[in-house]
């Protein structure tokens, strides 16, 4: 699976973040971060982009454990952007992705 949006018109930083979101190393995080990036990246403010870039620096293992709630979230997991990411996927429960 890969991005469903075009990177045309995105800044170089947003293009890089889109690529990183879809190329994580684990398919689960590719899907979770990639789908969120597709839906949200174009409209992110500078502050949101900084937070998203910090999220992308986290390991897949840590991120996944935060998402499923098996471990407390680290600093990147306490940001507004991470909470928006969780809410985005919570709204998709029970639907085909």
N, C-alpha and C. Protein backbone atom coordinates (compact mmCIF):
# COMPACT_ATOMS: atom_id res chain seq x y z
N UNK A 1 0.83 -1.18 0.00
CA UNK A 1 0.00 0.00 0.00
C UNK A 1 0.87 1.24 0.00
N UNK A 2 0.38 2.28 -0.59
CA UNK A 2 1.13 3.53 -0.58
C UNK A 2 0.16 4.70 -0.58
N UNK A 3 0.73 5.88 -0.57
CA UNK A 3 -0.06 7.10 -0.48
C UNK A 3 -1.16 7.15 -1.53
N UNK A 4 -2.25 7.77 -1.15
CA UNK A 4 -3.38 7.93 -2.07
C UNK A 4 -3.50 9.38 -2.52
N UNK A 5 -2.55 10.22 -2.10
CA UNK A 5 -2.58 11.62 -2.52
C UNK A 5 -1.34 11.93 -3.34
N UNK A 6 -1.40 13.00 -4.10
CA UNK A 6 -0.25 13.46 -4.85
C UNK A 6 0.57 14.39 -3.97
N UNK A 7 1.87 14.33 -4.10
CA UNK A 7 2.73 15.23 -3.33
C UNK A 7 2.92 16.56 -4.06
N UNK A 8 2.32 16.70 -5.23
CA UNK A 8 2.40 17.97 -5.95
C UNK A 8 1.85 19.09 -5.08
N UNK A 9 2.57 20.17 -5.01
CA UNK A 9 2.12 21.31 -4.23
C UNK A 9 2.54 21.27 -2.77
N UNK A 10 3.07 20.14 -2.30
CA UNK A 10 3.54 20.07 -0.92
C UNK A 10 4.96 20.63 -0.84
N UNK A 11 5.28 21.23 0.29
CA UNK A 11 6.64 21.72 0.51
C UNK A 11 7.58 20.51 0.58
N UNK A 12 8.87 20.74 0.38
CA UNK A 12 9.81 19.62 0.48
C UNK A 12 9.73 18.90 1.83
N UNK A 13 9.54 19.63 2.92
CA UNK A 13 9.42 18.99 4.24
C UNK A 13 8.20 18.10 4.31
N UNK A 14 7.08 18.56 3.78
CA UNK A 14 5.85 17.75 3.81
C UNK A 14 5.98 16.55 2.89
N UNK A 15 6.66 16.71 1.76
CA UNK A 15 6.90 15.56 0.88
C UNK A 15 7.73 14.50 1.59
N UNK A 16 8.77 14.94 2.31
CA UNK A 16 9.63 14.03 3.04
C UNK A 16 8.83 13.32 4.14
N UNK A 17 8.00 14.08 4.85
CA UNK A 17 7.19 13.49 5.93
C UNK A 17 6.20 12.47 5.36
N UNK A 18 5.61 12.77 4.21
CA UNK A 18 4.68 11.84 3.57
C UNK A 18 5.39 10.54 3.21
N UNK A 19 6.57 10.65 2.63
CA UNK A 19 7.35 9.46 2.28
C UNK A 19 7.70 8.65 3.54
N UNK A 20 8.17 9.34 4.58
CA UNK A 20 8.56 8.65 5.81
C UNK A 20 7.37 7.98 6.47
N UNK A 21 6.21 8.59 6.40
CA UNK A 21 5.01 8.01 7.02
C UNK A 21 4.64 6.68 6.35
N UNK A 22 4.85 6.58 5.06
CA UNK A 22 4.48 5.37 4.32
C UNK A 22 5.60 4.34 4.23
N UNK A 23 6.79 4.67 4.69
CA UNK A 23 7.95 3.76 4.58
C UNK A 23 8.62 3.61 5.93
N UNK A 24 7.93 3.01 6.87
CA UNK A 24 8.36 2.90 8.25
C UNK A 24 9.26 1.69 8.51
N UNK A 25 8.89 0.57 8.02
CA UNK A 25 9.60 -0.66 8.35
C UNK A 25 8.63 -1.74 8.79
N UNK A 26 7.50 -1.33 9.38
CA UNK A 26 6.45 -2.31 9.68
C UNK A 26 5.19 -1.87 8.95
N UNK A 27 4.50 -2.84 8.41
CA UNK A 27 3.30 -2.55 7.64
C UNK A 27 2.24 -1.87 8.49
N UNK A 28 2.13 -2.26 9.76
CA UNK A 28 1.12 -1.66 10.63
C UNK A 28 1.34 -0.15 10.77
N UNK A 29 2.57 0.25 11.01
CA UNK A 29 2.83 1.69 11.18
C UNK A 29 2.80 2.41 9.84
N UNK A 30 3.18 1.72 8.75
CA UNK A 30 3.00 2.32 7.41
C UNK A 30 1.54 2.73 7.23
N UNK A 31 0.65 1.81 7.54
CA UNK A 31 -0.78 2.07 7.34
C UNK A 31 -1.30 3.14 8.28
N UNK A 32 -0.94 3.04 9.55
CA UNK A 32 -1.45 4.01 10.52
C UNK A 32 -0.94 5.42 10.24
N UNK A 33 0.37 5.57 10.10
CA UNK A 33 0.93 6.90 9.87
C UNK A 33 0.66 7.39 8.45
N UNK A 34 0.72 6.48 7.49
CA UNK A 34 0.50 6.87 6.09
C UNK A 34 -0.91 7.38 5.84
N UNK A 35 -1.89 6.67 6.35
CA UNK A 35 -3.28 7.11 6.17
C UNK A 35 -3.52 8.45 6.84
N UNK A 36 -2.95 8.64 8.03
CA UNK A 36 -3.08 9.91 8.72
C UNK A 36 -2.40 11.03 7.92
N UNK A 37 -1.21 10.75 7.40
CA UNK A 37 -0.50 11.75 6.60
C UNK A 37 -1.29 12.12 5.35
N UNK A 38 -1.85 11.12 4.67
CA UNK A 38 -2.66 11.39 3.48
C UNK A 38 -3.80 12.35 3.80
N UNK A 39 -4.45 12.12 4.92
CA UNK A 39 -5.63 12.91 5.28
C UNK A 39 -5.29 14.27 5.88
N UNK A 40 -4.12 14.41 6.49
CA UNK A 40 -3.86 15.59 7.32
C UNK A 40 -2.69 16.46 6.91
N UNK A 41 -1.73 15.90 6.23
CA UNK A 41 -0.46 16.59 6.01
C UNK A 41 -0.59 17.91 5.27
N UNK A 42 -1.38 17.95 4.22
CA UNK A 42 -1.48 19.17 3.42
C UNK A 42 -1.95 20.36 4.24
N UNK A 43 -2.82 20.13 5.20
CA UNK A 43 -3.36 21.22 6.00
C UNK A 43 -2.64 21.48 7.31
N UNK A 44 -1.54 20.78 7.57
CA UNK A 44 -0.83 20.96 8.83
C UNK A 44 -0.15 22.32 8.90
N UNK A 45 -0.25 22.93 10.06
CA UNK A 45 0.48 24.18 10.33
C UNK A 45 1.95 23.84 10.56
N UNK A 46 2.77 24.87 10.66
CA UNK A 46 4.19 24.66 10.94
C UNK A 46 4.38 23.92 12.27
N UNK A 47 3.64 24.32 13.29
CA UNK A 47 3.77 23.68 14.61
C UNK A 47 3.34 22.22 14.55
N UNK A 48 2.27 21.93 13.84
CA UNK A 48 1.80 20.54 13.70
C UNK A 48 2.82 19.71 12.92
N UNK A 49 3.42 20.31 11.90
CA UNK A 49 4.42 19.59 11.12
C UNK A 49 5.64 19.26 11.98
N UNK A 50 6.06 20.18 12.82
CA UNK A 50 7.18 19.92 13.72
C UNK A 50 6.84 18.74 14.64
N UNK A 51 5.64 18.72 15.18
CA UNK A 51 5.22 17.61 16.04
C UNK A 51 5.16 16.31 15.26
N UNK A 52 4.63 16.35 14.04
CA UNK A 52 4.54 15.14 13.22
C UNK A 52 5.93 14.60 12.88
N UNK A 53 6.85 15.49 12.56
CA UNK A 53 8.22 15.06 12.28
C UNK A 53 8.84 14.39 13.50
N UNK A 54 8.55 14.89 14.70
CA UNK A 54 9.05 14.26 15.93
C UNK A 54 8.44 12.86 16.10
N UNK A 55 7.16 12.72 15.78
CA UNK A 55 6.50 11.41 15.84
C UNK A 55 7.20 10.44 14.88
N UNK A 56 7.53 10.93 13.69
CA UNK A 56 8.18 10.08 12.70
C UNK A 56 9.57 9.62 13.14
N UNK A 57 10.18 10.32 14.07
CA UNK A 57 11.50 9.95 14.58
C UNK A 57 11.42 8.82 15.61
N UNK A 58 10.25 8.56 16.14
CA UNK A 58 10.07 7.49 17.13
C UNK A 58 10.17 6.12 16.45
N UNK A 59 10.52 5.11 17.21
CA UNK A 59 10.59 3.76 16.66
C UNK A 59 9.17 3.21 16.45
N UNK A 60 9.03 2.31 15.51
CA UNK A 60 7.74 1.67 15.27
C UNK A 60 7.26 0.93 16.52
N UNK A 61 8.17 0.28 17.20
CA UNK A 61 7.80 -0.47 18.42
C UNK A 61 7.19 0.46 19.45
N UNK A 62 7.85 1.60 19.71
CA UNK A 62 7.33 2.55 20.69
C UNK A 62 5.98 3.11 20.25
N UNK A 63 5.90 3.54 19.00
CA UNK A 63 4.64 4.11 18.51
C UNK A 63 3.50 3.11 18.62
N UNK A 64 3.74 1.89 18.21
CA UNK A 64 2.68 0.89 18.25
C UNK A 64 2.24 0.62 19.68
N UNK A 65 3.18 0.56 20.60
CA UNK A 65 2.81 0.33 22.00
C UNK A 65 2.01 1.50 22.56
N UNK A 66 2.28 2.71 22.10
CA UNK A 66 1.49 3.87 22.53
C UNK A 66 0.08 3.80 21.95
N UNK A 67 -0.01 3.40 20.69
CA UNK A 67 -1.31 3.34 20.02
C UNK A 67 -2.22 2.31 20.69
N UNK A 68 -1.68 1.15 21.00
CA UNK A 68 -2.50 0.10 21.60
C UNK A 68 -2.62 0.26 23.11
N UNK A 69 -1.86 1.18 23.69
CA UNK A 69 -1.97 1.46 25.11
C UNK A 69 -1.23 0.50 26.01
N UNK A 70 -0.29 -0.26 25.44
CA UNK A 70 0.45 -1.21 26.28
C UNK A 70 1.59 -0.54 27.05
N UNK A 71 1.98 0.66 26.64
CA UNK A 71 3.00 1.43 27.34
C UNK A 71 2.58 2.90 27.34
N UNK A 72 2.97 3.64 28.37
CA UNK A 72 2.66 5.07 28.37
C UNK A 72 3.41 5.79 27.25
N UNK A 73 2.78 6.78 26.70
CA UNK A 73 3.37 7.53 25.59
C UNK A 73 4.55 8.36 26.06
N UNK A 74 5.54 8.48 25.19
CA UNK A 74 6.67 9.35 25.45
C UNK A 74 6.29 10.79 25.11
N UNK A 75 7.27 11.65 25.07
CA UNK A 75 7.03 13.08 24.84
C UNK A 75 6.29 13.34 23.52
N UNK A 76 6.66 12.65 22.45
CA UNK A 76 5.97 12.84 21.17
C UNK A 76 4.54 12.37 21.23
N UNK A 77 4.27 11.42 22.10
CA UNK A 77 2.93 10.88 22.26
C UNK A 77 2.01 11.77 23.08
N UNK A 78 2.56 12.81 23.67
CA UNK A 78 1.76 13.75 24.46
C UNK A 78 1.38 15.00 23.66
N UNK A 79 1.79 15.07 22.40
CA UNK A 79 1.53 16.26 21.59
C UNK A 79 0.10 16.27 21.06
N UNK A 80 -0.34 17.45 20.70
CA UNK A 80 -1.66 17.60 20.10
C UNK A 80 -1.75 16.81 18.80
N UNK A 81 -0.69 16.79 18.02
CA UNK A 81 -0.70 16.07 16.75
C UNK A 81 -0.84 14.57 16.97
N UNK A 82 -0.19 14.01 17.99
CA UNK A 82 -0.34 12.58 18.26
C UNK A 82 -1.75 12.28 18.73
N UNK A 83 -2.32 13.14 19.54
CA UNK A 83 -3.70 12.95 19.99
C UNK A 83 -4.67 13.04 18.81
N UNK A 84 -4.39 13.92 17.86
CA UNK A 84 -5.20 14.02 16.65
C UNK A 84 -5.06 12.74 15.83
N UNK A 85 -3.86 12.21 15.75
CA UNK A 85 -3.58 10.94 15.07
C UNK A 85 -4.40 9.81 15.68
N UNK A 86 -4.41 9.72 17.02
CA UNK A 86 -5.19 8.68 17.69
C UNK A 86 -6.68 8.86 17.43
N UNK A 87 -7.16 10.09 17.49
CA UNK A 87 -8.59 10.36 17.26
C UNK A 87 -8.97 10.04 15.82
N UNK A 88 -8.07 10.30 14.88
CA UNK A 88 -8.31 9.98 13.47
C UNK A 88 -8.59 8.49 13.31
N UNK A 89 -7.76 7.68 13.94
CA UNK A 89 -7.94 6.23 13.81
C UNK A 89 -9.07 5.70 14.68
N UNK A 90 -9.33 6.33 15.80
CA UNK A 90 -10.47 5.91 16.64
C UNK A 90 -11.77 6.10 15.87
N UNK A 91 -11.84 7.13 15.05
CA UNK A 91 -13.02 7.39 14.23
C UNK A 91 -13.21 6.38 13.11
N UNK A 92 -12.17 5.61 12.81
CA UNK A 92 -12.24 4.62 11.74
C UNK A 92 -12.58 3.23 12.25
N UNK A 93 -12.70 3.04 13.57
CA UNK A 93 -13.01 1.71 14.10
C UNK A 93 -14.32 1.22 13.52
N UNK A 94 -14.31 -0.02 13.14
CA UNK A 94 -15.52 -0.63 12.61
C UNK A 94 -15.75 -0.37 11.13
N UNK A 95 -14.78 0.34 10.49
CA UNK A 95 -14.91 0.59 9.06
C UNK A 95 -13.75 -0.09 8.34
N UNK A 96 -13.94 -0.40 7.11
CA UNK A 96 -12.87 -0.99 6.32
C UNK A 96 -11.89 0.11 5.94
N UNK A 97 -10.61 -0.12 6.16
CA UNK A 97 -9.59 0.88 5.84
C UNK A 97 -8.99 0.60 4.49
